[in-house]
Amino acid sequence: MGAASLVELTKKAMADIIKAVSVNIERINPQQVEKFIGMLIEARRNGRKILVIGAGRSGLVGRAFAMRLMHLSFHVHVVGETITPALEKDDVLVAISGSGTTTLVVTAARIAKKVGAKVVAITSHPRSPLGKCADHVVVVYGRTKLAKKRDYFSRQILGVHEPLAPLGTIFEVATSVFLDALIVELMRKLGLTEKDMRARHATIEPP
């Protein structure tokens, strides 16, 4: 396969991912989002901690979200960091897992419930172990069911129009876009500006 063909495949994959994410974001329930925002603002107002957890790429999405919450003066930490404090009663755990079955994430959610913390699950499967454990669920859809033909090229040739993206890519990208957009809504509700956020941005950097 020549370089031009590979570039075309890359462009098609990009278009497929954007299309799938756009469709899935439209399916997000506004009431679920509003309640999530309310829980975050309440935690900030009451000085409660917000801990974020996810495994693998979902963890990277969670870390990016935690960074933006920090810019908005939330008391936020990422689970697994050496300086992350203990979760306590009325704190909030934001748990991200497309499948809702990720052992690390589900275990953390169950521990959070035991200490009286509130659990928000961001998942594609509200009836999963994570979804059932959570106090609140925001459903962000990922891929459709896996096609019988697992090879990407075979699916495309046969006209099986499953998004040309591996594993949890659609969920992860959709969740990343959703959480970045959520920051914009939080800015509006809190009356904060980009200037306020910039004041809390990292300044200990090389010249």
N, C-alpha and C. Protein backbone atom coordinates (compact mmCIF):
# COMPACT_ATOMS: atom_id res chain seq x y z
N MET A 1 0.85 -1.19 0.00
CA MET A 1 0.00 0.00 0.00
C MET A 1 0.88 1.24 0.00
N GLY A 2 0.67 2.15 -0.97
CA GLY A 2 1.50 3.33 -1.11
C GLY A 2 1.21 4.38 -0.05
N ALA A 3 2.11 5.38 -0.02
CA ALA A 3 1.97 6.45 0.97
C ALA A 3 0.66 7.20 0.78
N ALA A 4 0.28 7.43 -0.48
CA ALA A 4 -0.96 8.16 -0.75
C ALA A 4 -2.17 7.41 -0.20
N SER A 5 -2.15 6.07 -0.39
CA SER A 5 -3.26 5.26 0.11
C SER A 5 -3.34 5.30 1.62
N LEU A 6 -2.18 5.29 2.27
CA LEU A 6 -2.15 5.34 3.73
C LEU A 6 -2.69 6.68 4.23
N VAL A 7 -2.33 7.75 3.53
CA VAL A 7 -2.84 9.06 3.92
C VAL A 7 -4.35 9.11 3.76
N GLU A 8 -4.87 8.52 2.69
CA GLU A 8 -6.31 8.49 2.47
C GLU A 8 -7.01 7.72 3.59
N LEU A 9 -6.40 6.62 4.03
CA LEU A 9 -6.97 5.83 5.12
C LEU A 9 -6.98 6.64 6.41
N THR A 10 -5.90 7.39 6.63
CA THR A 10 -5.84 8.26 7.81
C THR A 10 -6.95 9.29 7.77
N LYS A 11 -7.14 9.93 6.62
CA LYS A 11 -8.19 10.95 6.48
C LYS A 11 -9.57 10.34 6.67
N LYS A 12 -9.77 9.13 6.16
CA LYS A 12 -11.07 8.48 6.31
C LYS A 12 -11.32 8.14 7.77
N ALA A 13 -10.27 7.65 8.45
CA ALA A 13 -10.41 7.32 9.87
C ALA A 13 -10.75 8.57 10.67
N MET A 14 -10.08 9.68 10.34
CA MET A 14 -10.38 10.94 11.04
C MET A 14 -11.84 11.34 10.84
N ALA A 15 -12.30 11.24 9.59
CA ALA A 15 -13.69 11.60 9.29
C ALA A 15 -14.66 10.69 10.02
N ASP A 16 -14.35 9.39 10.06
CA ASP A 16 -15.21 8.41 10.74
C ASP A 16 -15.29 8.71 12.23
N ILE A 17 -14.13 9.02 12.82
CA ILE A 17 -14.09 9.30 14.27
C ILE A 17 -14.91 10.55 14.58
N ILE A 18 -14.71 11.61 13.79
CA ILE A 18 -15.44 12.86 14.02
C ILE A 18 -16.94 12.64 13.88
N LYS A 19 -17.34 11.89 12.86
CA LYS A 19 -18.76 11.63 12.63
C LYS A 19 -19.36 10.84 13.79
N ALA A 20 -18.68 9.78 14.21
CA ALA A 20 -19.19 8.95 15.30
C ALA A 20 -19.28 9.73 16.60
N VAL A 21 -18.25 10.53 16.89
CA VAL A 21 -18.25 11.32 18.12
C VAL A 21 -19.37 12.35 18.08
N SER A 22 -19.57 12.99 16.93
CA SER A 22 -20.64 13.99 16.81
C SER A 22 -22.01 13.37 17.07
N VAL A 23 -22.24 12.19 16.50
CA VAL A 23 -23.51 11.49 16.71
C VAL A 23 -23.69 11.12 18.17
N ASN A 24 -22.63 10.62 18.80
CA ASN A 24 -22.73 10.17 20.18
C ASN A 24 -22.91 11.32 21.16
N ILE A 25 -22.29 12.45 20.88
CA ILE A 25 -22.45 13.62 21.76
C ILE A 25 -23.89 14.11 21.73
N GLU A 26 -24.53 14.02 20.58
CA GLU A 26 -25.93 14.43 20.48
C GLU A 26 -26.84 13.55 21.34
N ARG A 27 -26.38 12.35 21.66
CA ARG A 27 -27.20 11.41 22.44
C ARG A 27 -27.02 11.59 23.95
N ILE A 28 -26.12 12.47 24.37
CA ILE A 28 -25.92 12.69 25.80
C ILE A 28 -27.15 13.38 26.39
N ASN A 29 -27.59 12.87 27.54
CA ASN A 29 -28.79 13.36 28.20
C ASN A 29 -28.51 14.68 28.95
N PRO A 30 -29.18 15.77 28.59
CA PRO A 30 -28.93 17.07 29.24
C PRO A 30 -29.17 17.04 30.75
N GLN A 31 -30.17 16.28 31.19
CA GLN A 31 -30.46 16.19 32.62
C GLN A 31 -29.31 15.53 33.37
N GLN A 32 -28.71 14.53 32.76
CA GLN A 32 -27.55 13.88 33.38
C GLN A 32 -26.39 14.86 33.51
N VAL A 33 -26.21 15.66 32.48
CA VAL A 33 -25.12 16.65 32.49
C VAL A 33 -25.39 17.72 33.54
N GLU A 34 -26.61 18.20 33.61
CA GLU A 34 -26.95 19.26 34.57
C GLU A 34 -26.73 18.79 36.01
N LYS A 35 -27.11 17.56 36.30
CA LYS A 35 -26.92 17.03 37.65
C LYS A 35 -25.43 16.89 37.96
N PHE A 36 -24.65 16.45 37.00
CA PHE A 36 -23.20 16.31 37.17
C PHE A 36 -22.59 17.66 37.49
N ILE A 37 -22.97 18.68 36.73
CA ILE A 37 -22.46 20.03 36.97
C ILE A 37 -22.83 20.49 38.38
N GLY A 38 -24.06 20.22 38.77
CA GLY A 38 -24.51 20.60 40.11
C GLY A 38 -23.70 19.94 41.21
N MET A 39 -23.36 18.66 41.01
CA MET A 39 -22.55 17.95 42.01
C MET A 39 -21.15 18.53 42.11
N LEU A 40 -20.59 18.90 40.97
CA LEU A 40 -19.25 19.50 40.97
C LEU A 40 -19.24 20.86 41.67
N ILE A 41 -20.23 21.68 41.33
CA ILE A 41 -20.29 23.03 41.93
C ILE A 41 -20.55 22.94 43.42
N GLU A 42 -21.41 22.01 43.83
CA GLU A 42 -21.68 21.84 45.26
C GLU A 42 -20.42 21.43 46.01
N ALA A 43 -19.65 20.53 45.42
CA ALA A 43 -18.39 20.09 46.04
C ALA A 43 -17.43 21.28 46.17
N ARG A 44 -17.34 22.09 45.15
CA ARG A 44 -16.46 23.27 45.18
C ARG A 44 -16.91 24.25 46.25
N ARG A 45 -18.22 24.49 46.31
CA ARG A 45 -18.77 25.45 47.27
C ARG A 45 -18.52 24.99 48.71
N ASN A 46 -18.60 23.68 48.94
CA ASN A 46 -18.46 23.14 50.29
C ASN A 46 -17.04 22.71 50.64
N GLY A 47 -16.10 23.01 49.75
CA GLY A 47 -14.71 22.68 50.02
C GLY A 47 -14.42 21.19 50.00
N ARG A 48 -15.24 20.42 49.29
CA ARG A 48 -15.03 18.97 49.21
C ARG A 48 -14.03 18.64 48.09
N LYS A 49 -13.40 17.52 48.22
CA LYS A 49 -12.43 17.06 47.22
C LYS A 49 -13.14 16.38 46.05
N ILE A 50 -12.56 16.51 44.89
CA ILE A 50 -13.00 15.76 43.71
C ILE A 50 -11.82 14.92 43.26
N LEU A 51 -12.01 13.62 43.23
CA LEU A 51 -10.97 12.72 42.74
C LEU A 51 -11.42 12.14 41.41
N VAL A 52 -10.50 12.02 40.47
CA VAL A 52 -10.81 11.51 39.14
C VAL A 52 -10.01 10.24 38.90
N ILE A 53 -10.69 9.22 38.35
CA ILE A 53 -10.00 7.97 38.06
C ILE A 53 -10.43 7.41 36.70
N GLY A 54 -9.48 6.81 36.02
CA GLY A 54 -9.73 6.11 34.77
C GLY A 54 -8.49 5.28 34.48
N ALA A 55 -8.63 4.23 33.72
CA ALA A 55 -7.48 3.37 33.39
C ALA A 55 -7.08 3.59 31.94
N GLY A 56 -5.79 3.50 31.66
CA GLY A 56 -5.32 3.63 30.28
C GLY A 56 -5.65 4.99 29.69
N ARG A 57 -6.19 4.98 28.47
CA ARG A 57 -6.50 6.24 27.77
C ARG A 57 -7.63 7.00 28.46
N SER A 58 -8.55 6.28 29.08
CA SER A 58 -9.60 6.97 29.85
C SER A 58 -8.98 7.72 31.02
N GLY A 59 -7.90 7.18 31.55
CA GLY A 59 -7.18 7.86 32.62
C GLY A 59 -6.56 9.15 32.13
N LEU A 60 -6.05 9.15 30.90
CA LEU A 60 -5.47 10.37 30.33
C LEU A 60 -6.55 11.44 30.14
N VAL A 61 -7.73 11.00 29.70
CA VAL A 61 -8.85 11.93 29.56
C VAL A 61 -9.21 12.52 30.92
N GLY A 62 -9.21 11.66 31.95
CA GLY A 62 -9.51 12.12 33.30
C GLY A 62 -8.50 13.12 33.82
N ARG A 63 -7.24 12.89 33.53
CA ARG A 63 -6.18 13.80 33.98
C ARG A 63 -6.34 15.17 33.33
N ALA A 64 -6.70 15.19 32.05
CA ALA A 64 -6.91 16.46 31.35
C ALA A 64 -8.08 17.22 31.97
N PHE A 65 -9.14 16.50 32.33
CA PHE A 65 -10.30 17.11 32.97
C PHE A 65 -9.93 17.66 34.34
N ALA A 66 -9.17 16.89 35.10
CA ALA A 66 -8.74 17.32 36.43
C ALA A 66 -7.91 18.60 36.34
N MET A 67 -7.08 18.70 35.33
CA MET A 67 -6.25 19.90 35.16
C MET A 67 -7.13 21.14 34.96
N ARG A 68 -8.15 21.01 34.13
CA ARG A 68 -9.05 22.14 33.89
C ARG A 68 -9.85 22.48 35.14
N LEU A 69 -10.27 21.47 35.91
CA LEU A 69 -10.98 21.75 37.16
C LEU A 69 -10.07 22.52 38.12
N MET A 70 -8.80 22.17 38.14
CA MET A 70 -7.83 22.89 38.98
C MET A 70 -7.75 24.34 38.54
N HIS A 71 -7.78 24.59 37.24
CA HIS A 71 -7.75 25.96 36.74
C HIS A 71 -8.97 26.76 37.19
N LEU A 72 -10.06 26.04 37.50
CA LEU A 72 -11.28 26.69 37.98
C LEU A 72 -11.37 26.68 39.51
N SER A 73 -10.24 26.39 40.16
CA SER A 73 -10.13 26.43 41.62
C SER A 73 -10.92 25.33 42.34
N PHE A 74 -11.13 24.21 41.67
CA PHE A 74 -11.69 23.05 42.35
C PHE A 74 -10.58 22.36 43.13
N HIS A 75 -10.93 21.72 44.24
CA HIS A 75 -9.99 20.93 45.03
C HIS A 75 -9.96 19.54 44.41
N VAL A 76 -9.13 19.36 43.38
CA VAL A 76 -9.19 18.14 42.57
C VAL A 76 -7.86 17.39 42.57
N HIS A 77 -7.96 16.06 42.50
CA HIS A 77 -6.78 15.20 42.46
C HIS A 77 -7.05 14.03 41.52
N VAL A 78 -5.98 13.39 41.07
CA VAL A 78 -6.08 12.20 40.23
C VAL A 78 -5.70 10.98 41.07
N VAL A 79 -6.56 10.00 41.10
CA VAL A 79 -6.30 8.79 41.87
C VAL A 79 -5.04 8.10 41.34
N GLY A 80 -4.16 7.72 42.25
CA GLY A 80 -2.93 7.03 41.86
C GLY A 80 -1.70 7.88 42.00
N GLU A 81 -1.87 9.22 42.08
CA GLU A 81 -0.74 10.10 42.28
C GLU A 81 -0.27 10.01 43.74
N THR A 82 1.02 10.20 43.96
CA THR A 82 1.56 10.04 45.31
C THR A 82 1.04 11.08 46.30
N ILE A 83 0.59 12.23 45.81
CA ILE A 83 0.13 13.29 46.70
C ILE A 83 -1.40 13.34 46.81
N THR A 84 -2.08 12.36 46.24
CA THR A 84 -3.55 12.35 46.30
C THR A 84 -4.01 12.00 47.71
N PRO A 85 -4.84 12.85 48.32
CA PRO A 85 -5.31 12.59 49.69
C PRO A 85 -6.39 11.52 49.72
N ALA A 86 -6.71 11.08 50.93
CA ALA A 86 -7.76 10.07 51.11
C ALA A 86 -9.12 10.65 50.74
N LEU A 87 -9.96 9.81 50.19
CA LEU A 87 -11.32 10.19 49.88
C LEU A 87 -12.14 10.12 51.17
N GLU A 88 -12.97 11.14 51.40
CA GLU A 88 -13.76 11.21 52.63
C GLU A 88 -15.24 11.38 52.31
N LYS A 89 -16.04 11.32 53.35
CA LYS A 89 -17.49 11.46 53.21
C LYS A 89 -17.82 12.77 52.48
N ASP A 90 -18.74 12.67 51.54
CA ASP A 90 -19.24 13.80 50.75
C ASP A 90 -18.25 14.33 49.71
N ASP A 91 -17.06 13.73 49.60
CA ASP A 91 -16.20 14.03 48.47
C ASP A 91 -16.84 13.41 47.22
N VAL A 92 -16.28 13.73 46.05
CA VAL A 92 -16.83 13.20 44.80
C VAL A 92 -15.75 12.45 44.03
N LEU A 93 -16.09 11.24 43.59
CA LEU A 93 -15.20 10.47 42.72
C LEU A 93 -15.80 10.45 41.32
N VAL A 94 -15.06 10.95 40.35
CA VAL A 94 -15.47 10.89 38.95
C VAL A 94 -14.75 9.69 38.33
N ALA A 95 -15.52 8.66 37.99
CA ALA A 95 -14.96 7.40 37.51
C ALA A 95 -15.27 7.22 36.04
N ILE A 96 -14.23 7.07 35.21
CA ILE A 96 -14.40 6.99 33.76
C ILE A 96 -14.05 5.59 33.26
N SER A 97 -15.02 4.94 32.63
CA SER A 97 -14.78 3.61 32.05
C SER A 97 -15.85 3.35 31.00
N GLY A 98 -15.44 3.21 29.75
CA GLY A 98 -16.41 2.95 28.69
C GLY A 98 -17.22 1.71 28.93
N SER A 99 -16.56 0.62 29.30
CA SER A 99 -17.24 -0.66 29.53
C SER A 99 -17.96 -0.70 30.86
N GLY A 100 -17.47 0.08 31.82
CA GLY A 100 -18.04 0.05 33.16
C GLY A 100 -17.64 -1.18 33.94
N THR A 101 -16.65 -1.90 33.43
CA THR A 101 -16.21 -3.13 34.09
C THR A 101 -14.73 -3.10 34.47
N THR A 102 -14.04 -2.01 34.18
CA THR A 102 -12.61 -1.92 34.47
C THR A 102 -12.37 -2.13 35.96
N THR A 103 -11.63 -3.17 36.31
CA THR A 103 -11.48 -3.59 37.70
C THR A 103 -11.00 -2.47 38.60
N LEU A 104 -9.96 -1.78 38.19
CA LEU A 104 -9.40 -0.69 39.00
C LEU A 104 -10.45 0.38 39.30
N VAL A 105 -11.20 0.75 38.28
CA VAL A 105 -12.19 1.83 38.41
C VAL A 105 -13.38 1.39 39.26
N VAL A 106 -13.87 0.18 39.01
CA VAL A 106 -15.00 -0.34 39.77
C VAL A 106 -14.63 -0.50 41.25
N THR A 107 -13.43 -1.02 41.51
CA THR A 107 -12.97 -1.18 42.90
C THR A 107 -12.89 0.16 43.61
N ALA A 108 -12.35 1.17 42.93
CA ALA A 108 -12.26 2.51 43.51
C ALA A 108 -13.64 3.06 43.82
N ALA A 109 -14.59 2.84 42.91
CA ALA A 109 -15.95 3.33 43.12
C ALA A 109 -16.59 2.67 44.33
N ARG A 110 -16.38 1.39 44.49
CA ARG A 110 -16.96 0.68 45.63
C ARG A 110 -16.34 1.14 46.95
N ILE A 111 -15.05 1.40 46.94
CA ILE A 111 -14.39 1.92 48.14
C ILE A 111 -14.93 3.31 48.47
N ALA A 112 -15.11 4.12 47.45
CA ALA A 112 -15.64 5.47 47.65
C ALA A 112 -17.02 5.42 48.30
N LYS A 113 -17.85 4.49 47.85
CA LYS A 113 -19.18 4.35 48.42
C LYS A 113 -19.11 3.97 49.90
N LYS A 114 -18.16 3.13 50.24
CA LYS A 114 -18.02 2.67 51.63
C LYS A 114 -17.69 3.81 52.58
N VAL A 115 -16.93 4.80 52.09
CA VAL A 115 -16.55 5.92 52.97
C VAL A 115 -17.56 7.07 52.90
N GLY A 116 -18.62 6.89 52.11
CA GLY A 116 -19.66 7.91 52.04
C GLY A 116 -19.44 8.98 51.00
N ALA A 117 -18.50 8.74 50.07
CA ALA A 117 -18.29 9.70 48.98
C ALA A 117 -19.34 9.48 47.89
N LYS A 118 -19.50 10.48 47.04
CA LYS A 118 -20.44 10.38 45.93
C LYS A 118 -19.69 9.95 44.68
N VAL A 119 -20.27 9.03 43.95
CA VAL A 119 -19.61 8.49 42.75
C VAL A 119 -20.37 8.91 41.50
N VAL A 120 -19.66 9.54 40.58
CA VAL A 120 -20.21 9.86 39.26
C VAL A 120 -19.52 8.96 38.25
N ALA A 121 -20.29 8.16 37.55
CA ALA A 121 -19.73 7.27 36.53
C ALA A 121 -19.94 7.88 35.15
N ILE A 122 -18.87 7.92 34.36
CA ILE A 122 -18.98 8.30 32.95
C ILE A 122 -18.68 7.02 32.17
N THR A 123 -19.69 6.48 31.52
CA THR A 123 -19.58 5.16 30.91
C THR A 123 -20.57 5.04 29.75
N SER A 124 -20.37 4.04 28.91
CA SER A 124 -21.32 3.75 27.84
C SER A 124 -22.38 2.76 28.30
N HIS A 125 -22.17 2.17 29.48
CA HIS A 125 -23.05 1.09 29.94
C HIS A 125 -23.56 1.37 31.36
N PRO A 126 -24.71 2.03 31.47
CA PRO A 126 -25.23 2.39 32.79
C PRO A 126 -25.61 1.19 33.66
N ARG A 127 -25.83 0.04 33.06
CA ARG A 127 -26.18 -1.15 33.84
C ARG A 127 -24.96 -2.01 34.18
N SER A 128 -23.80 -1.50 33.90
CA SER A 128 -22.55 -2.20 34.21
C SER A 128 -22.29 -2.15 35.71
N PRO A 129 -21.31 -2.91 36.21
CA PRO A 129 -20.97 -2.83 37.64
C PRO A 129 -20.68 -1.41 38.11
N LEU A 130 -19.98 -0.63 37.29
CA LEU A 130 -19.69 0.76 37.66
C LEU A 130 -20.97 1.58 37.70
N GLY A 131 -21.80 1.42 36.69
CA GLY A 131 -23.05 2.18 36.63
C GLY A 131 -23.97 1.87 37.80
N LYS A 132 -24.05 0.61 38.17
CA LYS A 132 -24.92 0.21 39.29
C LYS A 132 -24.39 0.71 40.62
N CYS A 133 -23.09 0.88 40.71
CA CYS A 133 -22.46 1.33 41.96
C CYS A 133 -22.58 2.84 42.14
N ALA A 134 -22.71 3.57 41.05
CA ALA A 134 -22.62 5.03 41.08
C ALA A 134 -23.88 5.70 41.65
N ASP A 135 -23.68 6.88 42.21
CA ASP A 135 -24.80 7.72 42.63
C ASP A 135 -25.42 8.42 41.44
N HIS A 136 -24.60 8.67 40.44
CA HIS A 136 -25.07 9.34 39.23
C HIS A 136 -24.26 8.85 38.04
N VAL A 137 -24.94 8.69 36.90
CA VAL A 137 -24.28 8.21 35.69
C VAL A 137 -24.50 9.20 34.55
N VAL A 138 -23.42 9.50 33.85
CA VAL A 138 -23.51 10.25 32.59
C VAL A 138 -23.13 9.27 31.49
N VAL A 139 -24.08 9.00 30.61
CA VAL A 139 -23.83 8.02 29.55
C VAL A 139 -23.21 8.72 28.34
N VAL A 140 -22.00 8.29 28.00
CA VAL A 140 -21.32 8.75 26.79
C VAL A 140 -21.09 7.51 25.94
N TYR A 141 -21.74 7.46 24.81
CA TYR A 141 -21.67 6.25 23.99
C TYR A 141 -20.35 6.13 23.24
N GLY A 142 -19.92 4.88 23.05
CA GLY A 142 -18.72 4.59 22.29
C GLY A 142 -19.09 3.90 21.00
N ARG A 143 -18.39 2.86 20.67
CA ARG A 143 -18.66 2.12 19.44
C ARG A 143 -19.94 1.32 19.56
N THR A 144 -20.47 0.95 18.40
CA THR A 144 -21.57 0.01 18.36
C THR A 144 -21.01 -1.37 18.65
N LYS A 145 -21.85 -2.40 18.60
CA LYS A 145 -21.36 -3.76 18.81
C LYS A 145 -20.24 -4.08 17.81
N LEU A 146 -19.27 -4.84 18.25
CA LEU A 146 -18.18 -5.22 17.36
C LEU A 146 -18.71 -6.04 16.20
N ALA A 147 -18.28 -5.70 15.01
CA ALA A 147 -18.68 -6.48 13.84
C ALA A 147 -18.03 -7.86 13.88
N LYS A 148 -18.67 -8.81 13.19
CA LYS A 148 -18.11 -10.16 13.15
C LYS A 148 -16.74 -10.16 12.49
N LYS A 149 -16.59 -9.30 11.47
CA LYS A 149 -15.29 -9.14 10.83
C LYS A 149 -14.49 -8.14 11.65
N ARG A 150 -13.48 -8.61 12.37
CA ARG A 150 -12.75 -7.74 13.27
C ARG A 150 -11.66 -6.94 12.55
N ASP A 151 -11.25 -7.39 11.38
CA ASP A 151 -10.22 -6.67 10.65
C ASP A 151 -10.80 -5.40 10.03
N TYR A 152 -10.17 -4.27 10.27
CA TYR A 152 -10.69 -2.98 9.82
C TYR A 152 -10.89 -2.95 8.30
N PHE A 153 -9.88 -3.41 7.56
CA PHE A 153 -9.93 -3.32 6.11
C PHE A 153 -11.04 -4.22 5.56
N SER A 154 -11.20 -5.42 6.13
CA SER A 154 -12.26 -6.32 5.68
C SER A 154 -13.63 -5.70 5.91
N ARG A 155 -13.81 -5.02 7.04
CA ARG A 155 -15.09 -4.39 7.33
C ARG A 155 -15.42 -3.33 6.29
N GLN A 156 -14.42 -2.55 5.91
CA GLN A 156 -14.66 -1.48 4.96
C GLN A 156 -14.98 -2.03 3.56
N ILE A 157 -14.23 -3.05 3.16
CA ILE A 157 -14.43 -3.65 1.84
C ILE A 157 -15.82 -4.27 1.73
N LEU A 158 -16.28 -4.89 2.84
CA LEU A 158 -17.58 -5.56 2.85
C LEU A 158 -18.72 -4.59 3.14
N GLY A 159 -18.39 -3.34 3.38
CA GLY A 159 -19.44 -2.36 3.62
C GLY A 159 -20.01 -2.40 5.01
N VAL A 160 -19.26 -2.96 5.97
CA VAL A 160 -19.68 -2.96 7.37
C VAL A 160 -19.21 -1.65 7.96
N HIS A 161 -20.12 -0.70 8.09
CA HIS A 161 -19.72 0.67 8.40
C HIS A 161 -19.60 0.95 9.88
N GLU A 162 -18.82 0.15 10.54
CA GLU A 162 -18.45 0.45 11.91
C GLU A 162 -17.32 1.46 11.86
N PRO A 163 -17.30 2.44 12.77
CA PRO A 163 -16.24 3.46 12.71
C PRO A 163 -14.85 2.85 12.63
N LEU A 164 -14.03 3.42 11.77
CA LEU A 164 -12.68 2.93 11.56
C LEU A 164 -11.79 3.42 12.69
N ALA A 165 -12.00 2.89 13.89
CA ALA A 165 -11.25 3.31 15.06
C ALA A 165 -11.18 2.12 16.03
N PRO A 166 -10.00 1.84 16.55
CA PRO A 166 -9.82 0.65 17.39
C PRO A 166 -10.28 0.83 18.83
N LEU A 167 -10.67 -0.28 19.43
CA LEU A 167 -10.93 -0.37 20.86
C LEU A 167 -11.85 0.74 21.37
N GLY A 168 -11.42 1.46 22.40
CA GLY A 168 -12.30 2.45 23.00
C GLY A 168 -12.14 3.86 22.47
N THR A 169 -11.57 4.00 21.28
CA THR A 169 -11.26 5.33 20.75
C THR A 169 -12.47 6.26 20.73
N ILE A 170 -13.59 5.78 20.23
CA ILE A 170 -14.77 6.63 20.10
C ILE A 170 -15.23 7.13 21.47
N PHE A 171 -15.29 6.24 22.45
CA PHE A 171 -15.69 6.64 23.80
C PHE A 171 -14.71 7.65 24.37
N GLU A 172 -13.43 7.38 24.21
CA GLU A 172 -12.41 8.24 24.81
C GLU A 172 -12.41 9.63 24.19
N VAL A 173 -12.54 9.70 22.87
CA VAL A 173 -12.56 11.00 22.20
C VAL A 173 -13.84 11.75 22.55
N ALA A 174 -14.97 11.04 22.54
CA ALA A 174 -16.25 11.67 22.87
C ALA A 174 -16.24 12.18 24.31
N THR A 175 -15.67 11.42 25.23
CA THR A 175 -15.61 11.83 26.62
C THR A 175 -14.69 13.03 26.79
N SER A 176 -13.58 13.03 26.08
CA SER A 176 -12.65 14.16 26.13
C SER A 176 -13.33 15.44 25.65
N VAL A 177 -14.05 15.37 24.53
CA VAL A 177 -14.75 16.53 24.00
C VAL A 177 -15.85 16.98 24.97
N PHE A 178 -16.60 16.01 25.50
CA PHE A 178 -17.67 16.32 26.44
C PHE A 178 -17.12 17.04 27.68
N LEU A 179 -16.06 16.52 28.27
CA LEU A 179 -15.53 17.11 29.49
C LEU A 179 -14.90 18.48 29.24
N ASP A 180 -14.27 18.66 28.09
CA ASP A 180 -13.75 19.99 27.75
C ASP A 180 -14.89 20.99 27.60
N ALA A 181 -15.98 20.55 26.97
CA ALA A 181 -17.14 21.42 26.81
C ALA A 181 -17.79 21.73 28.15
N LEU A 182 -17.75 20.76 29.06
CA LEU A 182 -18.31 20.94 30.40
C LEU A 182 -17.59 22.08 31.14
N ILE A 183 -16.29 22.20 30.89
CA ILE A 183 -15.52 23.28 31.52
C ILE A 183 -16.07 24.64 31.11
N VAL A 184 -16.47 24.77 29.86
CA VAL A 184 -17.04 26.03 29.37
C VAL A 184 -18.32 26.35 30.14
N GLU A 185 -19.16 25.36 30.37
CA GLU A 185 -20.39 25.57 31.12
C GLU A 185 -20.10 25.92 32.58
N LEU A 186 -19.10 25.27 33.16
CA LEU A 186 -18.72 25.57 34.53
C LEU A 186 -18.19 27.00 34.64
N MET A 187 -17.41 27.44 33.66
CA MET A 187 -16.92 28.82 33.64
C MET A 187 -18.10 29.79 33.69
N ARG A 188 -19.11 29.52 32.87
CA ARG A 188 -20.27 30.40 32.81
C ARG A 188 -21.02 30.43 34.14
N LYS A 189 -21.27 29.26 34.70
CA LYS A 189 -22.04 29.19 35.94
C LYS A 189 -21.27 29.77 37.13
N LEU A 190 -19.95 29.68 37.09
CA LEU A 190 -19.14 30.19 38.20
C LEU A 190 -18.72 31.65 37.99
N GLY A 191 -19.01 32.19 36.82
CA GLY A 191 -18.65 33.56 36.53
C GLY A 191 -17.15 33.76 36.39
N LEU A 192 -16.46 32.75 35.89
CA LEU A 192 -15.01 32.81 35.73
C LEU A 192 -14.64 33.00 34.26
N THR A 193 -13.48 33.58 34.04
CA THR A 193 -13.03 33.85 32.68
C THR A 193 -11.73 33.10 32.39
N GLU A 194 -11.32 33.17 31.14
CA GLU A 194 -10.05 32.56 30.75
C GLU A 194 -8.88 33.22 31.49
N LYS A 195 -9.04 34.50 31.79
CA LYS A 195 -8.01 35.21 32.56
C LYS A 195 -7.88 34.62 33.95
N ASP A 196 -9.00 34.28 34.57
CA ASP A 196 -8.98 33.64 35.89
C ASP A 196 -8.26 32.30 35.82
N MET A 197 -8.53 31.54 34.77
CA MET A 197 -7.90 30.23 34.61
C MET A 197 -6.40 30.37 34.37
N ARG A 198 -6.03 31.36 33.57
CA ARG A 198 -4.62 31.55 33.24
C ARG A 198 -3.80 31.88 34.49
N ALA A 199 -4.44 32.53 35.46
CA ALA A 199 -3.75 32.89 36.70
C ALA A 199 -3.36 31.65 37.50
N ARG A 200 -4.07 30.52 37.26
CA ARG A 200 -3.77 29.29 37.98
C ARG A 200 -2.99 28.29 37.12
N HIS A 201 -2.61 28.72 35.92
CA HIS A 201 -1.87 27.84 35.02
C HIS A 201 -0.44 27.71 35.52
N ALA A 202 0.19 26.56 35.21
CA ALA A 202 1.56 26.30 35.65
C ALA A 202 2.49 27.42 35.20
N THR A 203 3.29 27.93 36.14
CA THR A 203 4.26 28.99 35.82
C THR A 203 5.69 28.53 36.01
N ILE A 204 5.87 27.37 36.65
CA ILE A 204 7.23 26.85 36.86
C ILE A 204 7.61 26.06 35.60
N GLU A 205 8.05 26.77 34.59
CA GLU A 205 8.39 26.17 33.31
C GLU A 205 9.72 26.71 32.82
N PRO A 206 10.42 25.95 31.98
CA PRO A 206 11.69 26.45 31.43
C PRO A 206 11.46 27.72 30.62
N PRO A 207 12.41 28.64 30.61
CA PRO A 207 12.27 29.89 29.84
C PRO A 207 12.27 29.60 28.35
